[in-house]
Amino acid sequence: MRRHEFQPGRLIAGLALLVAGVLYLLDSGGEADVPWFVVVPIALGGLSLASLVGMVTYAVRRDQRDRITESRDR
């Protein structure tokens, strides 16, 4: 398998949705009484944070790529 670059935005999105899913599972199984207004902000906040981290990661990698290209052109 080829190695791929680390994408922290996808990690955050996955963790946030995993937490929301576990909370929903615990609520549906009767183990915990979790109101909907706790699970929805966790999912939406996690996805928002993941998109922000993804944009920052893209900008940093693009800047690094441009600097490498610029140094080769000289």
Protein backbone atom coordinates (compact mmCIF):
# COMPACT_ATOMS: atom_id res chain seq x y z
CA MET A 1 0.00 0.00 0.00
CA ARG A 2 1.30 3.42 -0.92
CA ARG A 3 1.87 5.87 1.89
CA HIS A 4 -0.41 8.85 1.86
CA GLU A 5 -0.12 12.25 3.44
CA PHE A 6 -1.63 12.83 6.85
CA GLN A 7 -4.92 14.74 6.71
CA PRO A 8 -5.81 16.04 10.18
CA GLY A 9 -9.18 17.43 9.03
CA ARG A 10 -10.41 13.97 8.18
CA LEU A 11 -9.18 12.65 11.51
CA ILE A 12 -11.11 15.33 13.42
CA ALA A 13 -14.26 14.73 11.35
CA GLY A 14 -14.05 11.01 11.98
CA LEU A 15 -13.52 11.41 15.71
CA ALA A 16 -16.38 13.90 16.06
CA LEU A 17 -18.81 11.66 14.18
CA LEU A 18 -17.58 8.64 16.13
CA VAL A 19 -18.31 10.42 19.42
CA ALA A 20 -21.76 11.48 18.18
CA GLY A 21 -22.46 7.92 17.04
CA VAL A 22 -21.40 6.39 20.35
CA LEU A 23 -23.56 8.86 22.26
CA TYR A 24 -26.51 8.02 20.02
CA LEU A 25 -25.86 4.30 20.49
CA LEU A 26 -25.72 4.69 24.28
CA ASP A 27 -28.95 6.69 24.22
CA SER A 28 -30.78 4.19 22.02
CA GLY A 29 -29.61 1.30 24.20
CA GLY A 30 -30.92 2.96 27.33
CA GLU A 31 -27.50 3.27 28.94
CA ALA A 32 -27.52 7.08 28.94
CA ASP A 33 -30.07 9.81 28.48
CA VAL A 34 -28.43 12.12 25.96
CA PRO A 35 -30.60 14.94 24.61
CA TRP A 36 -30.48 15.75 20.90
CA PHE A 37 -29.15 19.24 21.57
CA VAL A 38 -25.90 17.70 22.82
CA VAL A 39 -25.29 15.31 19.93
CA VAL A 40 -26.11 17.71 17.08
CA PRO A 41 -23.63 20.44 18.15
CA ILE A 42 -20.91 17.81 18.64
CA ALA A 43 -21.42 16.58 15.08
CA LEU A 44 -21.76 20.03 13.51
CA GLY A 45 -18.97 21.55 15.58
CA GLY A 46 -16.67 18.67 14.74
CA LEU A 47 -17.40 18.99 11.02
CA SER A 48 -16.88 22.76 11.17
CA LEU A 49 -13.58 22.36 13.01
CA ALA A 50 -12.52 19.68 10.53
CA SER A 51 -13.22 21.96 7.58
CA LEU A 52 -11.24 24.77 9.19
CA VAL A 53 -8.30 22.47 9.89
CA GLY A 54 -8.50 21.10 6.34
CA MET A 55 -8.34 24.60 4.85
CA VAL A 56 -5.39 25.57 7.03
CA THR A 57 -3.58 22.34 6.15
CA TYR A 58 -4.17 22.95 2.45
CA ALA A 59 -2.90 26.53 2.70
CA VAL A 60 0.27 25.48 4.54
CA ARG A 61 1.03 22.68 2.09
CA ARG A 62 0.36 24.95 -0.91
CA ASP A 63 2.73 27.56 0.53
CA GLN A 64 5.43 24.95 1.07
CA ARG A 65 4.95 23.62 -2.47
CA ASP A 66 5.16 27.14 -3.92
CA ARG A 67 8.36 27.86 -1.99
CA ILE A 68 9.97 24.67 -3.27
CA THR A 69 8.94 25.48 -6.84
CA GLU A 70 10.19 29.05 -6.47
CA SER A 71 13.57 27.92 -5.16
CA ARG A 72 13.97 25.48 -8.10
CA ASP A 73 13.27 28.25 -10.63
CA ARG A 74 16.16 30.38 -9.39
